[in-house]
Amino acid sequence: MPTALAAVALLLAQAPAAVPAASPALQPMPGGEALEAQIAASDARLFWGFFEGCDPDAVAPLIHPDFRMLHDLAGEALSSAAQMLEQSRVECAKRAPGGENEGYRNRRLHVPGSRRVQALGTWGALEEGRHAFYEWRSTLNGGAGGWELTGGARYIHVWQWMPGEGRFRLLESLSVDHGAALPYPPAAD
């Protein structure tokens, strides 16, 4: 047995040094129209995952671990990505068959023309806009059914560019001016 171990040790000593795995190339932050398109796509995916799609795990990669949300009605509403994802998992479970809010559906729609995206150097981007919130009304109990506009707000998002991942992650969300929603779609000027 010692001879076999010695042979293995000799082979390992003569083997070429392992080549370290290549680190992913750092990707530059997009600018101009590409910046706006990526932020808009991330925003749409994010809100789909937390509202209509009710699939927080699908959008977890968009949330920075140090995420926090400040809210005009609740103060610091969320203090981490983990808290946001867990809270959403709990709420989605309540909507599932057999859950206490089975069948509940809501949606968030970005108000067209309200988005403004500004680069923050090559570190990230600031996104501002307005959105409207809807809840599904069933035709049960004689209701008219369909989506009902329930409110609106203004939001400001801070997206950090992750050069090793080639994407933005939402670091901070400020949600303010909650109240009655402006008519949706917005009236033409």
C-alpha atoms as a PDB file:
ATOM      1  CA  MET A   1       0.000   0.000   0.000  1.00  0.00           C
ATOM      2  CA  PRO A   2       2.742   2.555   0.804  1.00  0.00           C
ATOM      3  CA  THR A   3       4.173   1.907  -2.657  1.00  0.00           C
ATOM      4  CA  ALA A   4       0.811   2.766  -4.290  1.00  0.00           C
ATOM      5  CA  LEU A   5       0.547   6.005  -2.294  1.00  0.00           C
ATOM      6  CA  ALA A   6       4.095   6.918  -3.229  1.00  0.00           C
ATOM      7  CA  ALA A   7       3.309   6.299  -6.908  1.00  0.00           C
ATOM      8  CA  VAL A   8       0.223   8.533  -6.731  1.00  0.00           C
ATOM      9  CA  ALA A   9       2.214  11.236  -4.944  1.00  0.00           C
ATOM     10  CA  LEU A  10       4.932  11.036  -7.612  1.00  0.00           C
ATOM     11  CA  LEU A  11       2.324  11.338 -10.426  1.00  0.00           C
ATOM     12  CA  LEU A  12       0.684  14.332  -8.742  1.00  0.00           C
ATOM     13  CA  ALA A  13       4.034  16.025  -8.271  1.00  0.00           C
ATOM     14  CA  GLN A  14       4.837  15.582 -11.965  1.00  0.00           C
ATOM     15  CA  ALA A  15       1.389  16.697 -13.203  1.00  0.00           C
ATOM     16  CA  PRO A  16       1.163  20.206 -14.589  1.00  0.00           C
ATOM     17  CA  ALA A  17      -0.288  22.763 -12.176  1.00  0.00           C
ATOM     18  CA  ALA A  18      -4.038  23.096 -12.473  1.00  0.00           C
ATOM     19  CA  VAL A  19      -5.092  26.060 -14.513  1.00  0.00           C
ATOM     20  CA  PRO A  20      -7.361  28.294 -12.425  1.00  0.00           C
ATOM     21  CA  ALA A  21     -10.851  28.703 -13.792  1.00  0.00           C
ATOM     22  CA  ALA A  22     -11.181  31.844 -15.832  1.00  0.00           C
ATOM     23  CA  SER A  23     -13.149  34.537 -14.088  1.00  0.00           C
ATOM     24  CA  PRO A  24     -16.075  35.896 -16.036  1.00  0.00           C
ATOM     25  CA  ALA A  25     -15.203  38.913 -18.117  1.00  0.00           C
ATOM     26  CA  LEU A  26     -16.287  42.171 -16.577  1.00  0.00           C
ATOM     27  CA  GLN A  27     -18.895  43.718 -18.786  1.00  0.00           C
ATOM     28  CA  PRO A  28     -19.192  47.461 -19.202  1.00  0.00           C
ATOM     29  CA  MET A  29     -22.451  49.081 -18.175  1.00  0.00           C
ATOM     30  CA  PRO A  30     -24.696  49.826 -21.158  1.00  0.00           C
ATOM     31  CA  GLY A  31     -25.457  53.424 -22.009  1.00  0.00           C
ATOM     32  CA  GLY A  32     -28.029  55.391 -23.961  1.00  0.00           C
ATOM     33  CA  GLU A  33     -30.935  53.431 -25.419  1.00  0.00           C
ATOM     34  CA  ALA A  34     -29.420  50.099 -24.296  1.00  0.00           C
ATOM     35  CA  LEU A  35     -29.384  51.363 -20.695  1.00  0.00           C
ATOM     36  CA  GLU A  36     -33.012  52.452 -20.894  1.00  0.00           C
ATOM     37  CA  ALA A  37     -34.067  49.175 -22.533  1.00  0.00           C
ATOM     38  CA  GLN A  38     -32.309  47.032 -19.930  1.00  0.00           C
ATOM     39  CA  ILE A  39     -33.771  49.012 -17.019  1.00  0.00           C
ATOM     40  CA  ALA A  40     -37.277  48.859 -18.544  1.00  0.00           C
ATOM     41  CA  ALA A  41     -36.979  45.101 -19.089  1.00  0.00           C
ATOM     42  CA  SER A  42     -35.671  44.525 -15.552  1.00  0.00           C
ATOM     43  CA  ASP A  43     -38.465  46.693 -14.129  1.00  0.00           C
ATOM     44  CA  ALA A  44     -41.154  44.799 -16.047  1.00  0.00           C
ATOM     45  CA  ARG A  45     -39.721  41.408 -15.066  1.00  0.00           C
ATOM     46  CA  LEU A  46     -39.382  42.477 -11.430  1.00  0.00           C
ATOM     47  CA  PHE A  47     -42.960  43.647 -11.055  1.00  0.00           C
ATOM     48  CA  TRP A  48     -44.337  40.668 -12.974  1.00  0.00           C
ATOM     49  CA  GLY A  49     -42.581  38.351 -10.525  1.00  0.00           C
ATOM     50  CA  PHE A  50     -43.909  40.125  -7.462  1.00  0.00           C
ATOM     51  CA  PHE A  51     -47.420  40.873  -8.732  1.00  0.00           C
ATOM     52  CA  GLU A  52     -49.154  38.932 -11.528  1.00  0.00           C
ATOM     53  CA  GLY A  53     -46.657  36.117 -11.912  1.00  0.00           C
ATOM     54  CA  CYS A  54     -46.323  35.672  -8.149  1.00  0.00           C
ATOM     55  CA  ASP A  55     -42.946  33.974  -8.626  1.00  0.00           C
ATOM     56  CA  PRO A  56     -40.393  35.790  -6.453  1.00  0.00           C
ATOM     57  CA  ASP A  57     -37.742  33.114  -6.933  1.00  0.00           C
ATOM     58  CA  ALA A  58     -37.751  33.750 -10.693  1.00  0.00           C
ATOM     59  CA  VAL A  59     -36.793  37.376 -10.155  1.00  0.00           C
ATOM     60  CA  ALA A  60     -34.520  36.917  -7.125  1.00  0.00           C
ATOM     61  CA  PRO A  61     -31.402  37.482  -9.306  1.00  0.00           C
ATOM     62  CA  LEU A  62     -32.631  41.042  -9.970  1.00  0.00           C
ATOM     63  CA  ILE A  63     -32.558  41.955  -6.274  1.00  0.00           C
ATOM     64  CA  HIS A  64     -29.325  43.109  -4.653  1.00  0.00           C
ATOM     65  CA  PRO A  65     -28.646  41.304  -1.328  1.00  0.00           C
ATOM     66  CA  ASP A  66     -28.462  44.717   0.399  1.00  0.00           C
ATOM     67  CA  PHE A  67     -31.839  45.794  -1.005  1.00  0.00           C
ATOM     68  CA  ARG A  68     -34.123  48.017   1.001  1.00  0.00           C
ATOM     69  CA  MET A  69     -37.461  49.648   0.323  1.00  0.00           C
ATOM     70  CA  LEU A  70     -38.623  52.957   1.718  1.00  0.00           C
ATOM     71  CA  HIS A  71     -42.336  53.678   1.526  1.00  0.00           C
ATOM     72  CA  ASP A  72     -44.264  56.872   2.224  1.00  0.00           C
ATOM     73  CA  LEU A  73     -46.900  54.984   4.238  1.00  0.00           C
ATOM     74  CA  ALA A  74     -44.772  52.310   5.934  1.00  0.00           C
ATOM     75  CA  GLY A  75     -41.334  53.890   6.396  1.00  0.00           C
ATOM     76  CA  GLU A  76     -38.646  51.257   5.889  1.00  0.00           C
ATOM     77  CA  ALA A  77     -40.947  48.571   4.524  1.00  0.00           C
ATOM     78  CA  LEU A  78     -38.201  46.054   3.680  1.00  0.00           C
ATOM     79  CA  SER A  79     -34.601  45.939   4.864  1.00  0.00           C
ATOM     80  CA  SER A  80     -33.098  43.132   2.759  1.00  0.00           C
ATOM     81  CA  ALA A  81     -33.542  41.017  -0.340  1.00  0.00           C
ATOM     82  CA  ALA A  82     -34.102  37.970   1.870  1.00  0.00           C
ATOM     83  CA  GLN A  83     -36.961  39.716   3.685  1.00  0.00           C
ATOM     84  CA  MET A  84     -38.537  40.853   0.410  1.00  0.00           C
ATOM     85  CA  LEU A  85     -38.383  37.400  -1.131  1.00  0.00           C
ATOM     86  CA  GLU A  86     -39.693  35.619   1.969  1.00  0.00           C
ATOM     87  CA  GLN A  87     -42.578  38.069   2.391  1.00  0.00           C
ATOM     88  CA  SER A  88     -43.515  37.557  -1.262  1.00  0.00           C
ATOM     89  CA  ARG A  89     -43.326  33.751  -0.964  1.00  0.00           C
ATOM     90  CA  VAL A  90     -45.728  33.906   1.986  1.00  0.00           C
ATOM     91  CA  GLU A  91     -48.167  36.166   0.115  1.00  0.00           C
ATOM     92  CA  CYS A  92     -48.025  33.988  -3.014  1.00  0.00           C
ATOM     93  CA  ALA A  93     -48.721  30.879  -0.929  1.00  0.00           C
ATOM     94  CA  LYS A  94     -51.854  32.583   0.409  1.00  0.00           C
ATOM     95  CA  ARG A  95     -53.083  33.024  -3.198  1.00  0.00           C
ATOM     96  CA  ALA A  96     -52.530  29.383  -4.109  1.00  0.00           C
ATOM     97  CA  PRO A  97     -55.368  26.842  -4.131  1.00  0.00           C
ATOM     98  CA  GLY A  98     -56.423  26.252  -0.543  1.00  0.00           C
ATOM     99  CA  GLY A  99     -54.730  29.452   0.671  1.00  0.00           C
ATOM    100  CA  GLU A 100     -56.579  32.037   2.723  1.00  0.00           C
ATOM    101  CA  ASN A 101     -56.612  34.442  -0.268  1.00  0.00           C
ATOM    102  CA  GLU A 102     -57.093  31.799  -2.941  1.00  0.00           C
ATOM    103  CA  GLY A 103     -57.626  33.364  -6.343  1.00  0.00           C
ATOM    104  CA  TYR A 104     -56.500  36.878  -5.377  1.00  0.00           C
ATOM    105  CA  ARG A 105     -54.803  38.590  -8.306  1.00  0.00           C
ATOM    106  CA  ASN A 106     -53.182  41.976  -8.634  1.00  0.00           C
ATOM    107  CA  ARG A 107     -51.142  43.755 -11.212  1.00  0.00           C
ATOM    108  CA  ARG A 108     -48.886  46.734 -11.500  1.00  0.00           C
ATOM    109  CA  LEU A 109     -48.701  48.677 -14.739  1.00  0.00           C
ATOM    110  CA  HIS A 110     -46.054  51.240 -15.526  1.00  0.00           C
ATOM    111  CA  VAL A 111     -47.625  54.484 -16.704  1.00  0.00           C
ATOM    112  CA  PRO A 112     -46.350  54.998 -20.275  1.00  0.00           C
ATOM    113  CA  GLY A 113     -44.280  58.100 -20.769  1.00  0.00           C
ATOM    114  CA  SER A 114     -43.473  58.504 -17.067  1.00  0.00           C
ATOM    115  CA  ARG A 115     -40.169  56.590 -16.947  1.00  0.00           C
ATOM    116  CA  ARG A 116     -36.914  58.500 -16.693  1.00  0.00           C
ATOM    117  CA  VAL A 117     -33.589  56.646 -16.541  1.00  0.00           C
ATOM    118  CA  GLN A 118     -30.336  58.364 -15.684  1.00  0.00           C
ATOM    119  CA  ALA A 119     -26.894  56.771 -15.526  1.00  0.00           C
ATOM    120  CA  LEU A 120     -25.021  57.131 -12.250  1.00  0.00           C
ATOM    121  CA  GLY A 121     -21.561  57.138 -13.795  1.00  0.00           C
ATOM    122  CA  THR A 122     -20.628  53.535 -14.553  1.00  0.00           C
ATOM    123  CA  TRP A 123     -21.843  52.376 -11.127  1.00  0.00           C
ATOM    124  CA  GLY A 124     -25.553  52.081 -11.894  1.00  0.00           C
ATOM    125  CA  ALA A 125     -28.726  53.902 -12.830  1.00  0.00           C
ATOM    126  CA  LEU A 126     -31.585  55.837 -11.330  1.00  0.00           C
ATOM    127  CA  GLU A 127     -35.079  55.034 -12.590  1.00  0.00           C
ATOM    128  CA  GLU A 128     -38.103  57.198 -11.831  1.00  0.00           C
ATOM    129  CA  GLY A 129     -41.684  56.741 -12.908  1.00  0.00           C
ATOM    130  CA  ARG A 130     -45.306  56.301 -12.001  1.00  0.00           C
ATOM    131  CA  HIS A 131     -47.313  53.136 -11.789  1.00  0.00           C
ATOM    132  CA  ALA A 132     -50.914  52.100 -11.350  1.00  0.00           C
ATOM    133  CA  PHE A 133     -52.202  49.161  -9.302  1.00  0.00           C
ATOM    134  CA  TYR A 134     -55.109  46.884 -10.168  1.00  0.00           C
ATOM    135  CA  GLU A 135     -56.971  44.053  -8.478  1.00  0.00           C
ATOM    136  CA  TRP A 136     -59.010  41.385 -10.234  1.00  0.00           C
ATOM    137  CA  ARG A 137     -62.723  41.443  -9.491  1.00  0.00           C
ATOM    138  CA  SER A 138     -64.580  38.206  -9.937  1.00  0.00           C
ATOM    139  CA  THR A 139     -67.981  37.875 -11.558  1.00  0.00           C
ATOM    140  CA  LEU A 140     -69.033  35.799  -8.555  1.00  0.00           C
ATOM    141  CA  ASN A 141     -71.700  37.360  -6.353  1.00  0.00           C
ATOM    142  CA  GLY A 142     -72.999  39.435  -9.259  1.00  0.00           C
ATOM    143  CA  GLY A 143     -69.825  41.499  -9.780  1.00  0.00           C
ATOM    144  CA  ALA A 144     -68.922  42.953 -13.146  1.00  0.00           C
ATOM    145  CA  GLY A 145     -65.552  41.208 -13.182  1.00  0.00           C
ATOM    146  CA  GLY A 146     -62.307  42.450 -14.689  1.00  0.00           C
ATOM    147  CA  TRP A 147     -59.394  44.527 -13.521  1.00  0.00           C
ATOM    148  CA  GLU A 148     -60.233  47.427 -11.216  1.00  0.00           C
ATOM    149  CA  LEU A 149     -57.877  50.366 -10.781  1.00  0.00           C
ATOM    150  CA  THR A 150     -57.169  50.587  -7.040  1.00  0.00           C
ATOM    151  CA  GLY A 151     -54.426  53.185  -6.727  1.00  0.00           C
ATOM    152  CA  GLY A 152     -51.171  54.568  -7.944  1.00  0.00           C
ATOM    153  CA  ALA A 153     -47.802  55.862  -6.823  1.00  0.00           C
ATOM    154  CA  ARG A 154     -44.475  57.262  -7.891  1.00  0.00           C
ATOM    155  CA  TYR A 155     -41.335  55.175  -7.617  1.00  0.00           C
ATOM    156  CA  ILE A 156     -37.611  55.824  -7.646  1.00  0.00           C
ATOM    157  CA  HIS A 157     -35.296  52.844  -8.095  1.00  0.00           C
ATOM    158  CA  VAL A 158     -31.543  52.684  -7.677  1.00  0.00           C
ATOM    159  CA  TRP A 159     -30.099  49.919  -9.861  1.00  0.00           C
ATOM    160  CA  GLN A 160     -26.480  48.850  -9.315  1.00  0.00           C
ATOM    161  CA  TRP A 161     -24.561  47.515 -12.320  1.00  0.00           C
ATOM    162  CA  MET A 162     -22.965  44.133 -11.627  1.00  0.00           C
ATOM    163  CA  PRO A 163     -20.115  43.946 -14.189  1.00  0.00           C
ATOM    164  CA  GLY A 164     -19.301  40.308 -13.421  1.00  0.00           C
ATOM    165  CA  GLU A 165     -22.948  39.333 -14.018  1.00  0.00           C
ATOM    166  CA  GLY A 166     -23.657  41.667 -16.924  1.00  0.00           C
ATOM    167  CA  ARG A 167     -26.886  42.924 -15.367  1.00  0.00           C
ATOM    168  CA  PHE A 168     -28.403  45.400 -12.951  1.00  0.00           C
ATOM    169  CA  ARG A 169     -29.648  44.523  -9.481  1.00  0.00           C
ATOM    170  CA  LEU A 170     -32.192  46.634  -7.618  1.00  0.00           C
ATOM    171  CA  LEU A 171     -30.460  48.104  -4.574  1.00  0.00           C
ATOM    172  CA  GLU A 172     -33.056  50.568  -3.317  1.00  0.00           C
ATOM    173  CA  SER A 173     -36.705  51.306  -3.988  1.00  0.00           C
ATOM    174  CA  LEU A 174     -38.487  54.443  -2.877  1.00  0.00           C
ATOM    175  CA  SER A 175     -42.248  54.247  -3.272  1.00  0.00           C
ATOM    176  CA  VAL A 176     -44.059  57.529  -2.644  1.00  0.00           C
ATOM    177  CA  ASP A 177     -47.184  59.551  -3.396  1.00  0.00           C
ATOM    178  CA  HIS A 178     -49.544  56.606  -2.892  1.00  0.00           C
ATOM    179  CA  GLY A 179     -53.164  57.448  -3.445  1.00  0.00           C
ATOM    180  CA  ALA A 180     -55.817  57.539  -6.080  1.00  0.00           C
ATOM    181  CA  ALA A 181     -54.388  56.625  -9.439  1.00  0.00           C
ATOM    182  CA  LEU A 182     -54.369  58.856 -12.429  1.00  0.00           C
ATOM    183  CA  PRO A 183     -56.619  57.483 -15.173  1.00  0.00           C
ATOM    184  CA  TYR A 184     -54.963  54.662 -17.055  1.00  0.00           C
ATOM    185  CA  PRO A 185     -53.988  54.806 -19.806  1.00  0.00           C
ATOM    186  CA  PRO A 186     -53.059  58.439 -19.305  1.00  0.00           C
ATOM    187  CA  ALA A 187     -54.955  61.072 -21.228  1.00  0.00           C
ATOM    188  CA  ALA A 188     -53.226  62.456 -24.311  1.00  0.00           C
ATOM    189  CA  ASP A 189     -51.773  65.930 -23.891  1.00  0.00           C
END
